Protein backbone atom coordinates (compact mmCIF):
# COMPACT_ATOMS: atom_id res chain seq x y z
CA UNK A 1 -16.56 27.55 -3.61
CA UNK A 2 -20.02 26.64 -2.40
CA UNK A 3 -20.87 24.88 -5.66
CA UNK A 4 -17.71 22.79 -5.24
CA UNK A 5 -18.67 21.85 -1.68
CA UNK A 6 -22.23 20.91 -2.63
CA UNK A 7 -21.01 18.90 -5.63
CA UNK A 8 -18.51 17.05 -3.42
CA UNK A 9 -21.23 16.04 -0.96
CA UNK A 10 -23.65 14.93 -3.69
CA UNK A 11 -21.08 12.86 -5.59
CA UNK A 12 -19.74 11.37 -2.36
CA UNK A 13 -23.19 10.26 -1.19
CA UNK A 14 -24.03 8.79 -4.61
CA UNK A 15 -20.74 6.86 -4.69
CA UNK A 16 -21.35 5.57 -1.16
CA UNK A 17 -24.90 4.44 -1.95
CA UNK A 18 -23.97 2.65 -5.16
CA UNK A 19 -20.99 0.99 -3.47
CA UNK A 20 -23.03 -0.23 -0.51
CA UNK A 21 -25.68 -1.72 -2.79
CA UNK A 22 -23.14 -3.44 -5.05
CA UNK A 23 -20.58 -4.60 -2.45
CA UNK A 24 -21.57 -8.28 -2.41
CA UNK A 25 -21.95 -8.38 -6.20
CA UNK A 26 -18.45 -6.92 -6.61
CA UNK A 27 -16.98 -9.57 -4.33
CA UNK A 28 -18.41 -12.34 -6.53
CA UNK A 29 -17.44 -10.60 -9.77
CA UNK A 30 -13.84 -10.13 -8.58
CA UNK A 31 -13.52 -13.83 -7.69
CA UNK A 32 -12.46 -13.10 -4.11
CA UNK A 33 -11.36 -16.40 -2.47
CA UNK A 34 -14.07 -17.84 -0.18
CA UNK A 35 -11.72 -17.77 2.82
CA UNK A 36 -11.60 -13.94 2.79
CA UNK A 37 -14.78 -12.92 0.96
CA UNK A 38 -16.79 -12.07 4.08
CA UNK A 39 -13.99 -9.99 5.60
CA UNK A 40 -13.50 -8.18 2.27
CA UNK A 41 -17.19 -7.33 2.02
CA UNK A 42 -17.33 -6.01 5.60
CA UNK A 43 -14.25 -3.87 5.04
CA UNK A 44 -15.61 -2.41 1.79
CA UNK A 45 -19.02 -1.60 3.29
CA UNK A 46 -17.49 0.17 6.29
CA UNK A 47 -14.88 1.98 4.19
CA UNK A 48 -17.54 3.32 1.81
CA UNK A 49 -19.20 5.14 4.69
CA UNK A 50 -16.34 7.63 4.47
CA UNK A 51 -16.79 8.28 0.74
CA UNK A 52 -18.58 11.67 1.16
CA UNK A 53 -15.71 12.84 3.38
CA UNK A 54 -13.10 11.67 0.87
CA UNK A 55 -14.95 13.64 -1.79
CA UNK A 56 -15.08 16.80 0.36
CA UNK A 57 -11.38 16.51 1.20
CA UNK A 58 -10.40 16.12 -2.46
CA UNK A 59 -12.52 19.07 -3.61
CA UNK A 60 -11.38 21.43 -0.86
CA UNK A 61 -7.74 20.37 -1.21
CA UNK A 62 -7.95 21.43 -4.86
CA UNK A 63 -9.44 24.78 -3.80
CA UNK A 64 -6.57 25.43 -1.37
CA UNK A 65 -3.93 24.32 -3.88
CA UNK A 66 -5.39 26.72 -6.46
CA UNK A 67 -4.25 29.63 -4.27
CA UNK A 68 -0.86 28.05 -3.55
CA UNK A 69 -1.71 26.54 -0.15
CA UNK A 70 -0.45 22.95 -0.31
CA UNK A 71 0.46 22.75 3.40
CA UNK A 72 -3.03 22.80 4.93
CA UNK A 73 -4.24 19.67 3.03
CA UNK A 74 -0.95 17.97 3.92
CA UNK A 75 -1.23 18.70 7.64
CA UNK A 76 -4.90 17.71 7.65
CA UNK A 77 -3.94 14.38 6.10
CA UNK A 78 -1.06 13.89 8.54
CA UNK A 79 -3.32 14.49 11.55
CA UNK A 80 -5.96 12.14 10.11
CA UNK A 81 -3.32 9.48 9.39
CA UNK A 82 -2.04 9.57 12.99
CA UNK A 83 -5.62 9.29 14.22
CA UNK A 84 -6.19 6.37 11.82
CA UNK A 85 -3.09 4.50 12.98
CA UNK A 86 -3.87 4.96 16.67
CA UNK A 87 -7.51 4.03 16.06
CA UNK A 88 -6.47 0.84 14.25
CA UNK A 89 -4.28 -0.16 17.20
CA UNK A 90 -7.19 0.46 19.57
CA UNK A 91 -9.83 -1.49 17.63
CA UNK A 92 -7.50 -4.44 16.96
CA UNK A 93 -5.57 -4.83 20.24
CA UNK A 94 -8.05 -3.47 22.82
CA UNK A 95 -11.60 -3.35 21.49
CA UNK A 96 -11.24 -6.45 19.27
CA UNK A 97 -13.59 -5.06 16.60
CA UNK A 98 -11.84 -6.91 13.79
CA UNK A 99 -11.66 -5.84 10.16
CA UNK A 100 -14.85 -3.78 10.43
CA UNK A 101 -13.29 -1.66 13.16
CA UNK A 102 -10.22 -0.97 11.05
CA UNK A 103 -12.39 0.20 8.15
CA UNK A 104 -14.49 2.33 10.51
CA UNK A 105 -11.35 4.10 11.76
CA UNK A 106 -10.41 4.86 8.15
CA UNK A 107 -13.85 6.40 7.53
CA UNK A 108 -13.57 8.49 10.71
CA UNK A 109 -10.07 9.61 9.68
CA UNK A 110 -11.50 10.83 6.36
CA UNK A 111 -14.18 12.71 8.31
CA UNK A 112 -11.46 14.35 10.43
CA UNK A 113 -9.35 15.38 7.40
CA UNK A 114 -12.31 16.90 5.55
CA UNK A 115 -13.54 18.59 8.75
CA UNK A 116 -10.18 20.33 9.21
CA UNK A 117 -10.36 21.77 5.69
CA UNK A 118 -13.98 22.89 6.12
CA UNK A 119 -13.06 24.62 9.39
CA UNK A 120 -10.01 26.24 7.75
CA UNK A 121 -12.04 27.65 4.87
CA UNK A 122 -14.78 28.89 7.17
CA UNK A 123 -12.18 30.88 9.14
CA UNK A 124 -10.27 32.34 6.20
CA UNK A 125 -10.77 35.81 4.74
CA UNK A 126 -11.23 36.59 1.07
CA UNK A 127 -13.12 35.07 -1.87
CA UNK A 128 -12.41 31.46 -0.88
CA UNK A 129 -14.30 31.59 2.38
CA UNK A 130 -17.03 29.04 3.10
CA UNK A 131 -20.21 30.40 4.68
CA UNK A 132 -22.38 27.88 6.60
CA UNK A 133 -25.64 29.32 5.27
CA UNK A 134 -24.48 28.92 1.65
CA UNK A 135 -22.92 25.46 1.83
CA UNK A 136 -25.48 23.82 -0.44
CA UNK A 137 -26.21 26.71 -2.80
CA UNK A 138 -25.06 25.90 -6.33
CA UNK A 139 -24.26 28.20 -9.22
CA UNK A 140 -25.24 26.60 -12.54
CA UNK A 141 -22.57 28.40 -14.56
CA UNK A 142 -19.82 27.41 -12.15
CA UNK A 143 -21.11 23.84 -12.07
CA UNK A 144 -21.04 23.59 -15.87
CA UNK A 145 -17.44 24.81 -15.94
CA UNK A 146 -16.41 22.32 -13.27
CA UNK A 147 -18.09 19.42 -15.04
CA UNK A 148 -16.64 20.41 -18.42
CA UNK A 149 -13.06 20.36 -17.12
CA UNK A 150 -13.47 17.73 -14.43
CA UNK A 151 -15.53 14.94 -15.98
CA UNK A 152 -12.83 13.75 -18.44
CA UNK A 153 -10.37 13.40 -15.56
CA UNK A 154 -13.04 11.64 -13.50
CA UNK A 155 -13.85 9.32 -16.39
CA UNK A 156 -10.15 8.59 -16.82
CA UNK A 157 -9.76 7.64 -13.16
CA UNK A 158 -12.96 5.59 -13.16
CA UNK A 159 -12.00 3.54 -16.19
CA UNK A 160 -8.51 3.15 -14.77
CA UNK A 161 -10.14 1.65 -11.71
CA UNK A 162 -12.30 -0.60 -13.89
CA UNK A 163 -9.24 -1.98 -15.69
CA UNK A 164 -7.53 -2.48 -12.33
CA UNK A 165 -10.60 -4.34 -11.07
CA UNK A 166 -10.24 -6.74 -13.99
CA UNK A 167 -6.57 -7.24 -13.12
CA UNK A 168 -7.47 -7.67 -9.44
CA UNK A 169 -10.01 -10.30 -10.42
CA UNK A 170 -7.26 -12.16 -12.27
CA UNK A 171 -5.00 -11.82 -9.20
CA UNK A 172 -7.73 -13.23 -6.95
CA UNK A 173 -8.07 -16.25 -9.24
CA UNK A 174 -4.45 -17.19 -8.44
CA UNK A 175 -5.19 -17.78 -4.77
CA UNK A 176 -4.96 -16.16 -1.32
CA UNK A 177 -1.12 -16.03 -1.25
CA UNK A 178 -0.93 -14.07 -4.49
CA UNK A 179 -3.76 -11.83 -3.29
CA UNK A 180 -1.91 -11.11 -0.02
CA UNK A 181 1.39 -10.46 -1.83
CA UNK A 182 -0.28 -8.09 -4.26
CA UNK A 183 -1.97 -6.08 -1.49
CA UNK A 184 1.31 -5.78 0.46
CA UNK A 185 3.27 -4.69 -2.62
CA UNK A 186 0.53 -2.26 -3.65
CA UNK A 187 0.60 -0.64 -0.21
CA UNK A 188 4.32 0.03 -0.73
CA UNK A 189 4.21 1.08 -4.39
CA UNK A 190 1.31 3.52 -3.93
CA UNK A 191 3.67 5.79 -1.99
CA UNK A 192 5.68 6.21 -5.18
CA UNK A 193 2.56 7.03 -7.18
CA UNK A 194 1.50 9.65 -4.62
CA UNK A 195 4.67 11.60 -5.47
CA UNK A 196 3.99 11.24 -9.20
CA UNK A 197 0.40 12.40 -8.73
CA UNK A 198 1.51 15.33 -6.57
CA UNK A 199 3.78 16.64 -9.32
CA UNK A 200 0.96 16.21 -11.83
CA UNK A 201 -1.39 18.28 -9.68
CA UNK A 202 1.30 20.95 -9.35
CA UNK A 203 1.63 21.05 -13.15
CA UNK A 204 -2.12 21.61 -13.56
CA UNK A 205 -2.16 24.37 -10.94
CA UNK A 206 0.86 26.32 -12.23
CA UNK A 207 -0.03 25.99 -15.90
CA UNK A 208 -3.65 27.05 -15.39
CA UNK A 209 -2.52 30.12 -13.43
CA UNK A 210 0.08 31.16 -16.01
CA UNK A 211 -2.09 30.36 -19.00
CA UNK A 212 -4.83 32.52 -17.52
CA UNK A 213 -2.24 35.32 -17.24
CA UNK A 214 -1.19 34.82 -20.87
CA UNK A 215 2.36 33.68 -19.97
CA UNK A 216 2.70 30.80 -22.42
CA UNK A 217 6.49 30.53 -22.18
CA UNK A 218 6.29 29.96 -18.45
CA UNK A 219 3.64 27.28 -19.03
CA UNK A 220 6.06 25.40 -21.28
CA UNK A 221 8.85 25.79 -18.74
CA UNK A 222 6.61 24.44 -15.98
CA UNK A 223 6.02 21.25 -17.98
CA UNK A 224 9.75 20.77 -18.67
CA UNK A 225 10.84 21.37 -15.08
CA UNK A 226 7.97 19.31 -13.68
CA UNK A 227 8.80 16.41 -16.00
CA UNK A 228 12.49 16.45 -15.04
CA UNK A 229 11.75 16.60 -11.31
CA UNK A 230 9.03 13.97 -11.48
CA UNK A 231 11.09 11.45 -13.44
CA UNK A 232 14.24 12.09 -11.39
CA UNK A 233 12.57 11.66 -8.00
CA UNK A 234 10.55 8.68 -9.24
CA UNK A 235 13.70 6.90 -10.45
CA UNK A 236 15.32 7.37 -7.03
CA UNK A 237 12.20 6.18 -5.20
CA UNK A 238 11.76 3.19 -7.51
CA UNK A 239 15.34 2.03 -6.93
CA UNK A 240 15.06 2.49 -3.17
CA UNK A 241 11.70 0.71 -2.91
CA UNK A 242 12.85 -2.25 -4.97
CA UNK A 243 16.23 -2.38 -3.24
CA UNK A 244 14.61 -2.55 0.19
CA UNK A 245 11.60 -4.49 -1.11
CA UNK A 246 12.07 -7.65 0.91
CA UNK A 247 12.61 -5.66 4.10
CA UNK A 248 9.48 -3.55 3.47
CA UNK A 249 7.35 -6.58 2.59
CA UNK A 250 8.54 -8.15 5.84
CA UNK A 251 6.38 -5.63 7.72
CA UNK A 252 3.31 -7.35 6.26
CA UNK A 253 4.24 -11.04 6.35
CA UNK A 254 6.95 -13.47 7.37
CA UNK A 255 6.11 -15.93 4.59
CA UNK A 256 8.99 -16.19 2.10
CA UNK A 257 6.59 -17.33 -0.61
CA UNK A 258 4.42 -14.23 -0.23
CA UNK A 259 7.47 -11.96 -0.07
CA UNK A 260 8.85 -13.48 -3.28
CA UNK A 261 5.50 -12.92 -4.99
CA UNK A 262 5.44 -9.35 -3.72
CA UNK A 263 8.90 -8.74 -5.21
CA UNK A 264 7.54 -9.77 -8.62
CA UNK A 265 4.98 -6.98 -8.44
CA UNK A 266 7.58 -4.44 -7.28
CA UNK A 267 9.82 -5.42 -10.22
CA UNK A 268 7.15 -4.98 -12.90
CA UNK A 269 5.27 -2.04 -11.36
CA UNK A 270 7.71 0.05 -9.29
CA UNK A 271 10.78 -0.06 -11.55
CA UNK A 272 8.83 1.17 -14.64
CA UNK A 273 7.06 3.94 -12.64
CA UNK A 274 8.99 6.71 -14.52
CA UNK A 275 6.77 5.87 -17.50
CA UNK A 276 3.81 6.69 -15.28
CA UNK A 277 5.48 10.03 -14.51
CA UNK A 278 5.50 10.91 -18.21
CA UNK A 279 1.82 10.05 -18.53
CA UNK A 280 0.83 12.04 -15.45
CA UNK A 281 2.76 15.21 -16.30
CA UNK A 282 1.61 15.32 -19.94
CA UNK A 283 -2.07 14.69 -19.21
CA UNK A 284 -2.14 17.07 -16.22
CA UNK A 285 -0.28 19.75 -18.19
CA UNK A 286 -2.87 19.64 -20.96
CA UNK A 287 -5.59 19.74 -18.33
CA UNK A 288 -4.06 22.99 -17.06
CA UNK A 289 -4.77 24.55 -20.47
CA UNK A 290 -8.39 23.39 -20.21
CA UNK A 291 -7.67 20.64 -22.77
CA UNK A 292 -8.78 17.68 -20.67
CA UNK A 293 -10.97 15.45 -22.86
CA UNK A 294 -8.53 14.21 -25.59
CA UNK A 295 -5.77 13.08 -23.15
CA UNK A 296 -8.41 11.40 -20.99
CA UNK A 297 -9.83 9.53 -24.00
CA UNK A 298 -6.36 8.39 -25.13
CA UNK A 299 -5.42 7.23 -21.63
CA UNK A 300 -8.68 5.40 -21.09
CA UNK A 301 -8.84 3.71 -24.50
CA UNK A 302 -5.19 2.68 -24.73
CA UNK A 303 -4.63 1.50 -21.17
CA UNK A 304 -7.95 -0.29 -20.80
CA UNK A 305 -7.75 -1.95 -24.20
CA UNK A 306 -4.23 -3.24 -23.59
CA UNK A 307 -4.99 -4.49 -20.09
CA UNK A 308 -8.29 -6.16 -20.93
CA UNK A 309 -6.89 -7.82 -24.06
CA UNK A 310 -3.82 -8.96 -22.11
CA UNK A 311 -5.85 -10.51 -19.27
CA UNK A 312 -8.16 -12.43 -21.61
CA UNK A 313 -5.48 -13.53 -24.08
CA UNK A 314 -1.86 -13.64 -22.87
CA UNK A 315 -2.68 -14.24 -19.19
CA UNK A 316 -5.44 -16.70 -20.05
CA UNK A 317 -2.95 -18.72 -22.09
CA UNK A 318 -0.31 -18.68 -19.32
CA UNK A 319 -1.95 -17.71 -15.99
CA UNK A 320 1.06 -16.77 -13.85
CA UNK A 321 1.47 -13.75 -11.60
CA UNK A 322 4.54 -12.47 -13.45
CA UNK A 323 2.82 -12.62 -16.84
CA UNK A 324 -0.09 -10.65 -15.38
CA UNK A 325 2.17 -7.93 -13.91
CA UNK A 326 3.91 -7.36 -17.26
CA UNK A 327 0.81 -5.58 -18.53
CA UNK A 328 1.51 -2.51 -16.35
CA UNK A 329 4.75 -1.29 -18.01
CA UNK A 330 3.44 -2.26 -21.45
CA UNK A 331 0.26 -0.17 -21.07
CA UNK A 332 2.22 2.76 -19.60
CA UNK A 333 4.76 2.73 -22.44
CA UNK A 334 2.18 2.75 -25.25
CA UNK A 335 0.09 5.42 -23.51
CA UNK A 336 3.14 7.62 -22.89
CA UNK A 337 4.04 7.53 -26.58
CA UNK A 338 0.46 8.44 -27.59
CA UNK A 339 0.26 11.29 -25.05
CA UNK A 340 3.65 12.66 -26.15
CA UNK A 341 2.44 12.86 -29.76
CA UNK A 342 -0.83 14.51 -28.65
CA UNK A 343 1.00 17.02 -26.43
CA UNK A 344 3.35 18.26 -29.14
CA UNK A 345 0.52 18.52 -31.66
CA UNK A 346 -1.54 20.49 -29.15
CA UNK A 347 1.34 22.83 -28.29
CA UNK A 348 2.07 23.44 -31.96
CA UNK A 349 -1.41 24.88 -32.46
CA UNK A 350 -1.75 26.54 -29.05
CA UNK A 351 -0.02 29.93 -29.70
CA UNK A 352 -2.22 30.62 -32.74
CA UNK A 353 -5.36 29.81 -30.75
CA UNK A 354 -4.23 32.04 -27.91
CA UNK A 355 -3.48 34.96 -30.24
CA UNK A 356 -6.84 34.70 -31.97
CA UNK A 357 -8.58 34.75 -28.57
CA UNK A 358 -6.60 37.82 -27.50
CA UNK A 359 -7.47 39.66 -30.74
CA UNK A 360 -11.19 38.94 -30.28
CA UNK A 361 -11.07 40.32 -26.77
């Protein structure tokens, strides 16, 4: 517990420091249009101030989920989100702090969410209690275990972000309207991914618990049920989001050109989201068995290779927004096939490995 907290703070501070130092460089590298580059840089610098709190919230949410408590992180996030929304209204309509004020409210909301979880774990009884005097005491053995299981997932997310930065750079090169449409559509579509990610986290939690108890059949059933639920709910959400896409995009802009561009992204990203469900469940299921590096390598190599090659070849030859968005379903499809093959090969050998371990014990 205390090693997790200390690690969260350290990684959060490092991420914040690197981000603050590189903010202006990133703006130039991503080809942000001159008309919005200053606002983008201010927003990023203010937002990064909340990075340590985001890190603490993510670590402690995982701790609470590991014991089956998924409600406390949810309510903490709900309270922080209400605070964020009200704070945004205040800084924009009353205080007139501009884009920097909006980013500051987001950082403070992250502080609030992480503070609620810290308070909750300091008040709980049992082995998962946080003690103020031990907050920054680290256990080397626990840290090694965390890094061994966690770094492949972290690497996967980081390289994902890198490939998305390359795509975002290509989006920025198409002008401010395309940039605005992409941001609006992303804000809508991310709600679908949050559901996908939530099911993936549930798969990791349940499988790790049952695998630790030696109940392999239940582990397999968890993956099957999780996959069916994830795909089913994602299909419904995808259809609803695309069906009401123009109405939802209308909350962000009244420009028909921007709305039409936003619908292109929803078509090529939201409709194929069930492929993303397959990827998430398979990789998170294998992570639950402690088998995290191979799926992370496959995801990173396949997705990044496809997206980078696509941007610098197909998109470069025909630089349109629709051509650029086509890379998302293509990369998801190829990665899903590769992960499916890896999963079944891993499961084929898993019972023998488990039996040999049991015999040794």
